[in-house]
Amino acid sequence: MRPQSWLHTIPLRIRSLFNRRAADNDLEEELQFHIEQKMQEFIAKGLDEKNARYAALREFRGVEQSKENCRDARKVNLLLDFVQDIRYGARMLRKNPGFSAIAILTLALGIGANAAIFSVVNAVLLRPLPYPSPERIVAVHGASPMSFVPVPDFHWVWNGWANTTRSFDYLATYETGDLNFAAAGSEPERVAGTEVSQDFFSTFGIGPIAGRLFLSSEEVPAHASVAIISATLFRRLGSPLDIIGKTFLMNGKQTVVVGVMPKGFEYPEKTMVWLPMAWNYNDEMLLRQAIFYSTIGRLRQSISPALAREELAAIQVHSFEEIKKSRPDADFANMPKVSIISLHDQLAGSSKPALLLLLGAVGFVLLIACADVANLLLARAVQRQREIALRAALGASRLRLVRQGLTESVLLSSIGGICGLGLAYGALEAVRSFIPAGMLFVQRITMDVRVLLFLMGVSILSGFVFGIFPVLHALRMDLNEPLKESAYGSSAHHSFLGRTRSWLAISEIAMALVLLAGAGLLIKSFWRLTNVDTGFHPESVLTASIS
């Protein structure tokens, strides 16, 4: 097609889509004009007016056929037929409100449950952490938690890692713990605090919204105490504009606030206050305590975790050899090997198998709903046999009938998906109530674009899944039988219909039994855990901890 011709047809196609009646009127006038012109040619050749009109019509090979050919040339018939199918499907749903309500409610329950659980899976497993290049942030385990290692020994290993590694842009260590926080004239409160090394915030690729980060000179015990606070604590204090440089009492020590972190950053474990790491080798208690430091790092571009692990393991071995030169009795036999995992995987923890299992369970629920609706549609298809046969007799092809059936199914599932969206919103509130408030992923469980696309995809796919059975029914049906008043349908056809409905019912029962068995086992396990014999009577017994 030439560019000029293609450009010429665009306004006509747009007009045919949005003002079909006017476009058809113009087409009618244009055809009548060409017929009149052809009549004049035949009259000029000697024919009378009546014969000239017949000859002109024969020349055009039928007015209605010419109209259809012109409409096909616009290449918008497929879309127009789709719109017509939707309108017809909507009329059929309104005509059978009882059937429509049951089918929509069944689909809404299945689709809503899937959308709610997928929202949790999306927040915990699929969405990246809210930091720049989060895939490069990793957690390092080695001279690490639950290892009884003197602080100087850990510091020696840590210095080896921080000063020698070439696999990381930044490497940082931190230790968590609660502290007493008090503003002027207020009662002290217990807040989550974390001591961090200098590159802690740079590892995450974020900076404060006010003030500055820690300086290397502040990583000494004798330095004046400084702190960085979270946006949550900043709002709790009333968001004072002069917060930077203001002094607060932290663990009984005057501490100056030098920075405020942005909203949403409270790593780790809902931290409200960050303090600089201060290594103290003069405290005899530190030589006998367990080390609970954690290490995180940002990998350099194109460096794999495996390569970084090998480098840190080699540095750790070298550090141990240096320590043994001064302390031959040092025992590092129980020291865990260096391992590196992504920070996202560490935060998700063991929740991945449970979430995938839960997603599979609600997937079974949706399949049961689809089988149920497919059975309803097959029962309804028996009542519509005569209607389908009449449409075929009037010229509708089997492909056209199949397309109409699938359009009705997808329309039904789409309405069920919209209703399921409302159910999913309500279910998310219940899901959040079961998750501890301090978990990082709780605030991320929302209906974002990915969840909405998932819901839309599940709705359309469900429509095809349960709509394929009535389509197969229409393809196998003898269209002549329903038109005979004395015959209701062939025995072969009814045999196929009965087998299909039986298999659907069997599938529903089988999947329901799987879900019931799994739920029963989980309830039994939970009951046993809640009734474990502790060896004493816990009734009316209270516990308290004081730091």
Protein backbone atom coordinates (compact mmCIF):
# COMPACT_ATOMS: atom_id res chain seq x y z
CA MET A 1 0.00 0.00 0.00
CA ARG A 2 1.34 3.40 -0.99
CA PRO A 3 1.92 5.95 1.84
CA GLN A 4 -0.67 8.32 0.34
CA SER A 5 -3.31 5.56 0.20
CA TRP A 6 -2.45 4.39 3.74
CA LEU A 7 -2.77 7.93 5.10
CA HIS A 8 -6.05 8.36 3.25
CA THR A 9 -7.63 5.32 4.92
CA ILE A 10 -6.77 6.34 8.51
CA PRO A 11 -9.64 8.87 8.92
CA LEU A 12 -12.05 6.36 7.37
CA ARG A 13 -10.98 3.60 9.77
CA ILE A 14 -11.30 5.92 12.77
CA ARG A 15 -14.72 7.01 11.58
CA SER A 16 -15.79 3.38 11.06
CA LEU A 17 -14.79 2.57 14.63
CA PHE A 18 -16.44 5.46 16.43
CA ASN A 19 -19.27 6.47 14.04
CA ARG A 20 -20.15 3.36 12.10
CA ARG A 21 -23.63 4.52 11.11
CA ALA A 22 -22.35 7.69 9.40
CA ALA A 23 -19.64 5.69 7.62
CA ASP A 24 -22.23 3.18 6.35
CA ASN A 25 -24.49 6.01 5.14
CA ASP A 26 -21.60 7.49 3.18
CA LEU A 27 -20.84 4.05 1.74
CA GLU A 28 -24.50 3.65 0.70
CA GLU A 29 -24.50 7.05 -1.03
CA GLU A 30 -21.22 6.30 -2.82
CA LEU A 31 -22.48 2.93 -4.11
CA GLN A 32 -25.73 4.50 -5.32
CA PHE A 33 -23.70 7.14 -7.16
CA HIS A 34 -21.62 4.49 -8.94
CA ILE A 35 -24.75 2.48 -9.81
CA GLU A 36 -26.38 5.61 -11.30
CA GLN A 37 -23.23 6.30 -13.33
CA LYS A 38 -23.20 2.72 -14.64
CA MET A 39 -26.94 3.01 -15.50
CA GLN A 40 -26.26 6.11 -17.58
CA GLU A 41 -23.57 4.21 -19.49
CA PHE A 42 -26.02 1.36 -20.33
CA ILE A 43 -28.79 3.83 -21.25
CA ALA A 44 -26.35 5.54 -23.64
CA LYS A 45 -25.82 2.13 -25.28
CA GLY A 46 -29.54 1.84 -26.00
CA LEU A 47 -31.03 0.03 -23.01
CA ASP A 48 -34.18 1.26 -21.32
CA GLU A 49 -34.03 2.44 -17.69
CA LYS A 50 -35.29 -0.82 -16.13
CA ASN A 51 -32.87 -3.07 -18.01
CA ALA A 52 -30.06 -0.57 -17.50
CA ARG A 53 -30.58 -0.79 -13.69
CA TYR A 54 -30.53 -4.61 -13.80
CA ALA A 55 -27.35 -4.54 -15.86
CA ALA A 56 -25.70 -2.07 -13.47
CA LEU A 57 -26.58 -4.21 -10.46
CA ARG A 58 -25.23 -7.32 -12.22
CA GLU A 59 -22.04 -5.40 -12.90
CA PHE A 60 -21.61 -4.75 -9.17
CA ARG A 61 -22.43 -8.44 -8.36
CA GLY A 62 -24.82 -7.52 -5.54
CA VAL A 63 -25.01 -4.32 -3.52
CA GLU A 64 -24.81 -5.99 -0.13
CA GLN A 65 -21.78 -8.06 -1.15
CA SER A 66 -20.07 -4.90 -2.37
CA LYS A 67 -20.79 -3.23 0.97
CA GLU A 68 -19.24 -6.13 2.89
CA ASN A 69 -16.16 -6.05 0.65
CA CYS A 70 -15.75 -2.34 1.32
CA ARG A 71 -16.14 -2.86 5.07
CA ASP A 72 -13.52 -5.62 4.96
CA ALA A 73 -11.14 -3.26 3.17
CA ARG A 74 -11.29 -0.91 6.16
CA LYS A 75 -9.76 -3.74 8.29
CA VAL A 76 -11.74 -2.83 11.39
CA ASN A 77 -14.34 -5.62 11.22
CA LEU A 78 -12.49 -7.82 13.70
CA LEU A 79 -12.57 -5.11 16.35
CA LEU A 80 -16.19 -4.25 15.56
CA ASP A 81 -17.16 -7.91 15.82
CA PHE A 82 -15.34 -8.12 19.16
CA VAL A 83 -17.33 -5.15 20.48
CA GLN A 84 -20.51 -6.75 19.17
CA ASP A 85 -19.60 -10.03 20.92
CA ILE A 86 -19.07 -8.19 24.21
CA ARG A 87 -22.45 -6.49 23.92
CA TYR A 88 -24.14 -9.79 23.13
CA GLY A 89 -22.34 -11.52 26.02
CA ALA A 90 -23.41 -8.75 28.40
CA ARG A 91 -27.05 -9.21 27.30
CA MET A 92 -26.80 -12.95 27.95
CA LEU A 93 -25.44 -12.33 31.45
CA ARG A 94 -28.26 -9.88 32.22
CA LYS A 95 -30.76 -12.39 30.87
CA ASN A 96 -29.60 -15.01 33.40
CA PRO A 97 -28.90 -13.07 36.63
CA GLY A 98 -28.89 -16.15 38.88
CA PHE A 99 -26.30 -17.99 36.82
CA SER A 100 -24.22 -14.82 36.41
CA ALA A 101 -24.21 -14.05 40.14
CA ILE A 102 -23.11 -17.59 41.12
CA ALA A 103 -20.38 -17.74 38.47
CA ILE A 104 -19.04 -14.25 39.26
CA LEU A 105 -18.99 -14.90 43.02
CA THR A 106 -17.18 -18.24 42.50
CA LEU A 107 -14.56 -16.63 40.27
CA ALA A 108 -14.20 -13.62 42.57
CA LEU A 109 -13.31 -15.87 45.49
CA GLY A 110 -10.69 -17.77 43.48
CA ILE A 111 -9.16 -14.76 41.75
CA GLY A 112 -9.26 -12.59 44.90
CA ALA A 113 -7.45 -15.23 46.96
CA ASN A 114 -4.75 -15.54 44.29
CA ALA A 115 -4.33 -11.76 44.05
CA ALA A 116 -4.00 -11.41 47.84
CA ILE A 117 -1.38 -14.15 48.20
CA PHE A 118 0.48 -12.95 45.10
CA SER A 119 0.66 -9.49 46.70
CA VAL A 120 2.60 -11.04 49.59
CA VAL A 121 4.80 -13.09 47.24
CA ASN A 122 5.45 -9.98 45.17
CA ALA A 123 6.42 -7.92 48.23
CA VAL A 124 8.67 -10.56 49.79
CA LEU A 125 10.16 -12.46 46.84
CA LEU A 126 9.75 -10.50 43.61
CA ARG A 127 10.10 -6.79 44.32
CA PRO A 128 13.70 -5.62 44.67
CA LEU A 129 14.82 -3.87 47.83
CA PRO A 130 14.30 -0.07 47.75
CA TYR A 131 17.99 0.75 47.29
CA PRO A 132 20.12 1.60 44.23
CA SER A 133 21.30 -1.61 42.48
CA PRO A 134 19.94 -3.81 45.31
CA GLU A 135 21.15 -7.01 43.63
CA ARG A 136 24.74 -6.02 44.49
CA ILE A 137 24.07 -5.71 48.26
CA VAL A 138 25.04 -8.91 50.07
CA ALA A 139 25.29 -10.24 53.61
CA VAL A 140 28.65 -11.72 54.62
CA HIS A 141 28.95 -14.45 57.23
CA GLY A 142 32.27 -15.61 58.64
CA ALA A 143 33.77 -14.28 61.85
CA SER A 144 30.20 -13.61 62.72
CA PRO A 145 27.25 -14.11 65.08
CA MET A 146 27.26 -16.95 67.62
CA SER A 147 31.06 -17.36 67.39
CA PHE A 148 32.91 -16.79 70.68
CA VAL A 149 35.74 -14.70 69.31
CA PRO A 150 37.46 -11.87 71.22
CA VAL A 151 36.75 -8.41 69.86
CA PRO A 152 40.39 -7.73 68.86
CA ASP A 153 40.43 -10.97 66.84
CA PHE A 154 37.28 -10.04 65.00
CA HIS A 155 38.62 -6.55 64.43
CA TRP A 156 41.79 -8.03 62.95
CA VAL A 157 39.74 -10.13 60.50
CA TRP A 158 37.47 -7.18 59.78
CA ASN A 159 40.39 -4.87 59.02
CA GLY A 160 41.78 -7.49 56.67
CA TRP A 161 38.50 -7.61 54.81
CA ALA A 162 37.89 -3.86 54.71
CA ASN A 163 41.46 -2.85 53.73
CA THR A 164 42.38 -5.70 51.38
CA THR A 165 39.28 -6.75 49.44
CA ARG A 166 38.95 -5.81 45.77
CA SER A 167 35.53 -7.37 45.30
CA PHE A 168 33.51 -4.72 47.14
CA ASP A 169 32.85 -1.05 46.60
CA TYR A 170 31.87 -0.81 50.27
CA LEU A 171 32.04 -3.19 53.22
CA ALA A 172 30.45 -2.44 56.60
CA THR A 173 29.76 -4.09 59.93
CA TYR A 174 27.08 -3.38 62.52
CA GLU A 175 25.73 -4.58 65.86
CA THR A 176 22.14 -4.17 67.02
CA GLY A 177 20.77 -3.49 70.49
CA ASP A 178 18.24 -1.36 72.34
CA LEU A 179 19.12 1.92 74.06
CA ASN A 180 17.46 4.45 76.35
CA PHE A 181 16.50 7.62 74.49
CA ALA A 182 15.25 10.81 76.16
CA ALA A 183 14.55 14.29 74.83
CA ALA A 184 14.75 17.35 77.09
CA GLY A 185 11.93 17.37 79.63
CA SER A 186 10.51 13.98 78.60
CA GLU A 187 10.57 10.48 80.01
CA PRO A 188 13.18 8.11 78.51
CA GLU A 189 11.96 5.40 76.19
CA ARG A 190 13.46 2.20 74.83
CA VAL A 191 14.27 2.37 71.10
CA ALA A 192 16.09 0.09 68.67
CA GLY A 193 19.67 1.24 68.09
CA THR A 194 22.54 0.02 65.91
CA GLU A 195 26.28 0.66 66.01
CA VAL A 196 27.63 0.89 62.45
CA SER A 197 30.98 1.29 60.76
CA GLN A 198 31.71 4.28 58.53
CA ASP A 199 30.62 2.78 55.16
CA PHE A 200 27.33 1.35 56.44
CA PHE A 201 25.07 3.89 54.72
CA SER A 202 27.23 4.05 51.58
CA THR A 203 26.74 0.29 51.20
CA PHE A 204 23.01 0.89 50.74
CA GLY A 205 23.65 3.80 48.39
CA ILE A 206 21.57 6.29 50.36
CA GLY A 207 22.31 9.46 52.30
CA PRO A 208 20.56 11.55 54.95
CA ILE A 209 17.77 13.96 54.07
CA ALA A 210 19.30 16.39 56.59
CA GLY A 211 22.74 16.65 58.12
CA ARG A 212 25.65 14.33 57.33
CA LEU A 213 26.97 10.78 57.75
CA PHE A 214 29.55 9.62 60.31
CA LEU A 215 33.23 10.55 59.97
CA SER A 216 36.10 8.08 60.36
CA SER A 217 37.40 10.13 63.30
CA GLU A 218 34.19 9.37 65.19
CA GLU A 219 34.92 5.62 65.38
CA VAL A 220 36.82 6.00 68.68
CA PRO A 221 35.40 5.70 72.22
CA ALA A 222 36.85 9.03 73.39
CA HIS A 223 35.11 11.03 70.67
CA ALA A 224 32.03 13.08 71.54
CA SER A 225 28.89 10.96 71.01
CA VAL A 226 27.02 11.58 67.77
CA ALA A 227 23.98 9.87 66.29
CA ILE A 228 21.85 9.65 63.16
CA ILE A 229 18.11 9.16 63.67
CA SER A 230 15.37 7.68 61.47
CA ALA A 231 12.56 9.67 59.85
CA THR A 232 10.08 7.87 62.14
CA LEU A 233 11.83 9.13 65.29
CA PHE A 234 12.21 12.55 63.67
CA ARG A 235 8.41 12.78 63.21
CA ARG A 236 7.82 11.46 66.72
CA LEU A 237 9.89 14.34 68.08
CA GLY A 238 7.68 16.80 66.23
CA SER A 239 9.97 17.31 63.19
CA PRO A 240 11.90 20.27 64.66
CA LEU A 241 13.79 22.27 62.03
CA ASP A 242 16.80 22.66 64.33
CA ILE A 243 17.19 18.90 64.94
CA ILE A 244 20.72 18.87 63.46
CA GLY A 245 23.12 19.71 66.29
CA LYS A 246 20.50 19.18 68.97
CA THR A 247 21.55 17.11 72.02
CA PHE A 248 19.62 14.16 73.43
CA LEU A 249 20.29 11.72 76.23
CA MET A 250 21.15 8.22 74.90
CA ASN A 251 22.04 5.55 77.46
CA GLY A 252 22.71 8.33 79.95
CA LYS A 253 25.19 10.08 77.65
CA GLN A 254 24.77 13.45 75.93
CA THR A 255 24.59 12.69 72.18
CA VAL A 256 24.41 15.13 69.27
CA VAL A 257 22.17 14.39 66.27
CA VAL A 258 24.18 14.88 63.06
CA GLY A 259 21.77 13.46 60.48
CA VAL A 260 18.25 12.25 59.64
CA MET A 261 17.74 9.29 57.30
CA PRO A 262 14.98 9.25 54.64
CA LYS A 263 11.55 7.74 55.22
CA GLY A 264 11.45 3.97 54.93
CA PHE A 265 15.08 3.30 55.84
CA GLU A 266 15.19 1.66 59.25
CA TYR A 267 17.64 -1.18 58.62
CA PRO A 268 18.18 -3.38 60.53
CA GLU A 269 15.12 -4.39 62.55
CA LYS A 270 13.25 -1.05 62.66
CA THR A 271 16.29 0.89 63.88
CA MET A 272 15.50 4.35 65.26
CA VAL A 273 19.06 5.49 66.11
CA TRP A 274 22.43 4.73 64.50
CA LEU A 275 25.68 5.27 66.43
CA PRO A 276 29.25 5.09 65.12
CA MET A 277 31.12 1.83 65.79
CA ALA A 278 33.63 2.46 68.61
CA TRP A 279 36.22 -0.33 69.06
CA ASN A 280 37.34 -0.52 72.70
CA TYR A 281 40.24 -2.86 73.51
CA ASN A 282 40.65 -1.71 77.13
CA ASP A 283 37.42 -3.22 78.38
CA GLU A 284 38.23 -6.65 79.84
CA MET A 285 34.60 -7.73 79.38
CA LEU A 286 34.96 -7.48 75.60
CA LEU A 287 37.69 -10.12 75.69
CA ARG A 288 35.23 -12.69 77.00
CA GLN A 289 31.94 -11.82 75.31
CA ALA A 290 30.31 -13.37 72.26
CA ILE A 291 30.53 -11.38 69.06
CA PHE A 292 27.23 -10.44 67.46
CA TYR A 293 28.54 -8.23 64.66
CA SER A 294 27.02 -8.59 61.19
CA THR A 295 28.68 -7.68 57.91
CA ILE A 296 27.16 -6.39 54.68
CA GLY A 297 28.79 -5.20 51.48
CA ARG A 298 28.15 -3.79 48.02
CA LEU A 299 29.77 -5.89 45.30
CA ARG A 300 31.65 -4.18 42.55
CA GLN A 301 30.19 -4.25 39.07
CA SER A 302 30.50 -7.69 37.38
CA ILE A 303 31.89 -9.34 40.56
CA SER A 304 30.02 -12.53 41.46
CA PRO A 305 29.26 -13.54 45.06
CA ALA A 306 31.28 -16.74 44.58
CA LEU A 307 34.40 -14.80 43.58
CA ALA A 308 33.97 -12.39 46.51
CA ARG A 309 33.53 -15.32 48.93
CA GLU A 310 36.78 -16.93 47.80
CA GLU A 311 38.66 -13.67 48.31
CA LEU A 312 37.25 -13.04 51.81
CA ALA A 313 37.90 -16.65 52.84
CA ALA A 314 41.54 -16.32 51.83
CA ILE A 315 41.87 -13.05 53.77
CA GLN A 316 40.24 -14.64 56.82
CA VAL A 317 42.67 -17.59 56.80
CA HIS A 318 45.61 -15.19 56.53
CA SER A 319 44.25 -13.16 59.48
CA PHE A 320 43.95 -16.28 61.63
CA GLU A 321 47.55 -17.20 60.85
CA GLU A 322 48.69 -13.73 61.92
CA ILE A 323 46.73 -13.97 65.18
CA LYS A 324 48.26 -17.36 66.01
CA LYS A 325 51.74 -15.88 65.77
CA SER A 326 51.00 -13.74 68.82
CA ARG A 327 48.55 -16.14 70.46
CA PRO A 328 49.51 -19.76 69.69
CA ASP A 329 46.70 -21.05 71.92
CA ALA A 330 44.00 -19.36 69.82
CA ASP A 331 41.47 -21.89 68.57
CA PHE A 332 39.55 -21.16 65.40
CA ALA A 333 38.29 -24.71 64.80
CA ASN A 334 34.66 -23.70 65.37
CA MET A 335 34.86 -20.60 63.21
CA PRO A 336 32.22 -20.83 60.44
CA LYS A 337 33.31 -20.66 56.83
CA VAL A 338 32.75 -17.45 54.88
CA SER A 339 29.45 -17.39 53.00
CA ILE A 340 27.83 -14.65 50.94
CA ILE A 341 24.12 -14.38 50.13
CA SER A 342 22.10 -11.53 48.73
CA LEU A 343 20.60 -9.22 51.32
CA HIS A 344 17.17 -9.84 49.78
CA ASP A 345 17.48 -13.61 50.34
CA GLN A 346 18.65 -13.08 53.91
CA LEU A 347 15.69 -10.83 54.70
CA ALA A 348 13.21 -13.20 53.05
CA GLY A 349 14.70 -16.02 55.12
CA SER A 350 12.75 -19.28 55.18
CA SER A 351 9.50 -17.66 54.01
CA LYS A 352 10.04 -18.53 50.33
CA PRO A 353 8.95 -22.22 50.47
CA ALA A 354 5.94 -21.36 52.65
CA LEU A 355 4.81 -18.54 50.35
CA LEU A 356 5.20 -20.65 47.20
CA LEU A 357 3.26 -23.47 48.87
CA LEU A 358 0.51 -21.03 49.81
CA LEU A 359 0.43 -19.64 46.27
CA GLY A 360 0.06 -23.18 44.95
CA ALA A 361 -2.81 -23.83 47.36
CA VAL A 362 -4.79 -20.78 46.21
CA GLY A 363 -3.98 -21.81 42.64
CA PHE A 364 -5.87 -25.06 43.34
CA VAL A 365 -8.75 -22.97 44.67
CA LEU A 366 -8.87 -21.07 41.38
CA LEU A 367 -8.78 -24.30 39.37
CA ILE A 368 -11.70 -25.62 41.42
CA ALA A 369 -13.60 -22.39 40.71
CA CYS A 370 -12.85 -22.71 36.97
CA ALA A 371 -14.06 -26.32 36.92
CA ASP A 372 -17.22 -25.30 38.75
CA VAL A 373 -17.98 -22.47 36.32
CA ALA A 374 -17.14 -24.73 33.33
CA ASN A 375 -19.76 -27.20 34.59
CA LEU A 376 -22.29 -24.40 34.88
CA LEU A 377 -21.52 -23.21 31.35
CA LEU A 378 -21.87 -26.74 29.96
CA ALA A 379 -25.28 -27.08 31.62
CA ARG A 380 -26.24 -23.70 30.17
CA ALA A 381 -24.88 -24.66 26.73
CA VAL A 382 -27.44 -27.50 26.51
CA GLN A 383 -30.21 -24.91 26.79
CA ARG A 384 -28.59 -22.74 24.09
CA GLN A 385 -28.17 -25.49 21.46
CA ARG A 386 -31.07 -24.23 19.35
CA GLU A 387 -29.76 -20.66 19.48
CA ILE A 388 -26.29 -21.78 18.33
CA ALA A 389 -27.79 -23.90 15.52
CA LEU A 390 -29.91 -20.96 14.28
CA ARG A 391 -26.89 -18.67 14.21
CA ALA A 392 -24.97 -21.28 12.22
CA ALA A 393 -27.89 -21.70 9.81
CA LEU A 394 -27.92 -17.93 9.23
CA GLY A 395 -24.29 -18.00 8.12
CA ALA A 396 -22.16 -17.83 11.25
CA SER A 397 -19.04 -19.96 10.89
CA ARG A 398 -17.87 -22.33 13.63
CA LEU A 399 -14.91 -20.02 14.21
CA ARG A 400 -17.33 -17.15 14.76
CA LEU A 401 -19.30 -19.24 17.26
CA VAL A 402 -16.12 -20.24 19.09
CA ARG A 403 -15.02 -16.61 19.28
CA GLN A 404 -18.40 -15.61 20.68
CA GLY A 405 -18.23 -18.31 23.35
CA LEU A 406 -14.71 -17.37 24.45
CA THR A 407 -15.65 -13.69 24.53
CA GLU A 408 -18.55 -14.44 26.89
CA SER A 409 -16.27 -16.52 29.13
CA VAL A 410 -13.56 -13.86 29.30
CA LEU A 411 -16.19 -11.19 29.98
CA LEU A 412 -17.52 -13.31 32.85
CA SER A 413 -14.05 -13.88 34.30
CA SER A 414 -13.16 -10.19 33.93
CA ILE A 415 -16.19 -9.17 35.99
CA GLY A 416 -15.18 -11.83 38.52
CA GLY A 417 -11.66 -10.38 38.56
CA ILE A 418 -12.98 -6.88 39.28
CA CYS A 419 -15.04 -8.22 42.18
CA GLY A 420 -12.02 -10.30 43.28
CA LEU A 421 -9.94 -7.13 43.44
CA GLY A 422 -12.22 -5.80 46.16
CA LEU A 423 -11.99 -9.09 48.06
CA ALA A 424 -8.20 -9.04 47.73
CA TYR A 425 -8.00 -5.58 49.31
CA GLY A 426 -9.94 -6.84 52.33
CA ALA A 427 -7.84 -10.03 52.51
CA LEU A 428 -4.60 -8.04 52.53
CA GLU A 429 -5.60 -6.35 55.77
CA ALA A 430 -6.09 -9.78 57.36
CA VAL A 431 -2.73 -10.98 55.98
CA ARG A 432 -0.90 -7.94 57.40
CA SER A 433 -2.40 -8.58 60.83
CA PHE A 434 -0.67 -11.98 60.97
CA ILE A 435 2.78 -10.55 60.11
CA PRO A 436 4.88 -8.95 62.90
CA ALA A 437 4.83 -5.17 62.54
CA GLY A 438 8.61 -4.91 62.68
CA MET A 439 9.21 -6.90 59.50
CA LEU A 440 10.65 -4.95 56.58
CA PHE A 441 8.19 -6.33 54.01
CA VAL A 442 4.93 -5.45 55.78
CA GLN A 443 4.67 -1.93 54.32
CA ARG A 444 5.54 -3.30 50.86
CA ILE A 445 2.46 -5.56 50.71
CA THR A 446 0.29 -3.40 48.46
CA MET A 447 -1.68 -3.62 45.23
CA ASP A 448 0.97 -2.28 42.87
CA VAL A 449 1.05 -2.43 39.06
CA ARG A 450 2.60 -5.91 39.04
CA VAL A 451 -0.23 -7.30 41.19
CA LEU A 452 -2.88 -5.63 39.01
CA LEU A 453 -1.27 -7.09 35.86
CA PHE A 454 -1.20 -10.50 37.55
CA LEU A 455 -4.88 -10.19 38.46
CA MET A 456 -5.77 -9.16 34.91
CA GLY A 457 -3.74 -12.03 33.43
CA VAL A 458 -5.29 -14.58 35.81
CA SER A 459 -8.78 -13.30 34.99
CA ILE A 460 -8.27 -13.62 31.22
CA LEU A 461 -6.55 -16.99 31.52
CA SER A 462 -9.34 -18.28 33.76
CA GLY A 463 -11.88 -17.23 31.14
CA PHE A 464 -10.08 -19.30 28.50
CA VAL A 465 -9.66 -22.27 30.88
CA PHE A 466 -13.33 -22.69 31.79
CA GLY A 467 -14.54 -21.33 28.42
CA ILE A 468 -12.76 -24.00 26.37
CA PHE A 469 -15.20 -26.72 27.47
CA PRO A 470 -18.36 -25.04 26.07
CA VAL A 471 -16.32 -24.29 22.92
CA LEU A 472 -15.47 -27.99 22.50
CA HIS A 473 -19.13 -28.73 23.08
CA ALA A 474 -20.11 -26.34 20.26
CA LEU A 475 -17.51 -27.80 17.86
CA ARG A 476 -18.73 -31.39 18.40
CA MET A 477 -22.42 -30.57 18.26
CA ASP A 478 -24.46 -31.63 15.23
CA LEU A 479 -26.09 -28.33 14.31
CA ASN A 480 -28.94 -30.04 12.41
CA GLU A 481 -30.25 -31.96 15.40
CA PRO A 482 -31.33 -28.99 17.57
CA LEU A 483 -33.36 -27.59 14.63
CA LYS A 484 -35.50 -30.72 14.54
CA GLU A 485 -38.40 -30.32 16.93
CA SER A 486 -38.61 -34.06 17.56
CA ALA A 487 -34.93 -34.47 18.48
CA TYR A 488 -33.17 -32.94 21.47
CA GLY A 489 -29.64 -34.04 20.51
CA SER A 490 -27.61 -37.00 19.36
CA SER A 491 -26.66 -39.75 21.78
CA ALA A 492 -22.98 -39.35 20.88
CA HIS A 493 -23.13 -35.68 21.68
CA HIS A 494 -24.83 -36.27 25.03
CA SER A 495 -22.29 -38.97 25.80
CA PHE A 496 -19.43 -36.49 25.24
CA LEU A 497 -21.21 -33.85 27.32
CA GLY A 498 -21.82 -36.26 30.17
CA ARG A 499 -18.22 -37.50 30.19
CA THR A 500 -16.86 -33.94 30.23
CA ARG A 501 -19.06 -32.87 33.12
CA SER A 502 -18.18 -36.03 35.03
CA TRP A 503 -14.45 -35.47 34.60
CA LEU A 504 -14.82 -31.86 35.71
CA ALA A 505 -16.69 -32.95 38.83
CA ILE A 506 -14.05 -35.60 39.58
CA SER A 507 -11.28 -33.00 39.15
CA GLU A 508 -13.03 -30.62 41.55
CA ILE A 509 -13.38 -33.33 44.20
CA ALA A 510 -9.76 -34.46 43.78
CA MET A 511 -8.33 -30.95 44.14
CA ALA A 512 -10.62 -30.22 47.08
CA LEU A 513 -9.43 -33.39 48.82
CA VAL A 514 -5.79 -32.37 48.32
CA LEU A 515 -6.47 -28.97 49.87
CA LEU A 516 -8.47 -30.45 52.74
CA ALA A 517 -5.75 -33.00 53.50
CA GLY A 518 -3.05 -30.31 53.49
CA ALA A 519 -5.12 -27.98 55.67
CA GLY A 520 -5.89 -30.83 58.07
CA LEU A 521 -2.21 -31.72 58.44
CA LEU A 522 -1.30 -28.08 59.09
CA ILE A 523 -4.03 -27.71 61.72
CA LYS A 524 -2.93 -30.95 63.39
CA SER A 525 0.71 -29.77 63.46
CA PHE A 526 -0.32 -26.42 64.91
CA TRP A 527 -2.45 -28.10 67.57
CA ARG A 528 0.46 -30.31 68.58
CA LEU A 529 2.82 -27.35 68.82
CA THR A 530 0.41 -25.48 71.06
CA ASN A 531 0.03 -28.51 73.33
CA VAL A 532 3.68 -29.46 73.84
CA ASP A 533 4.36 -30.57 77.42
CA THR A 534 6.75 -27.93 78.83
CA GLY A 535 7.29 -29.78 82.09
CA PHE A 536 5.71 -27.04 84.17
CA HIS A 537 2.43 -25.13 84.48
CA PRO A 538 2.80 -21.76 82.70
CA GLU A 539 -0.55 -20.39 83.93
CA SER A 540 -0.22 -17.07 85.84
CA VAL A 541 3.58 -17.08 85.34
CA LEU A 542 5.05 -13.75 84.14
CA THR A 543 8.50 -12.94 82.74
CA ALA A 544 10.36 -9.65 82.48
CA SER A 545 13.75 -8.53 81.19
CA ILE A 546 15.76 -5.50 82.28
CA SER A 547 18.76 -4.18 80.36
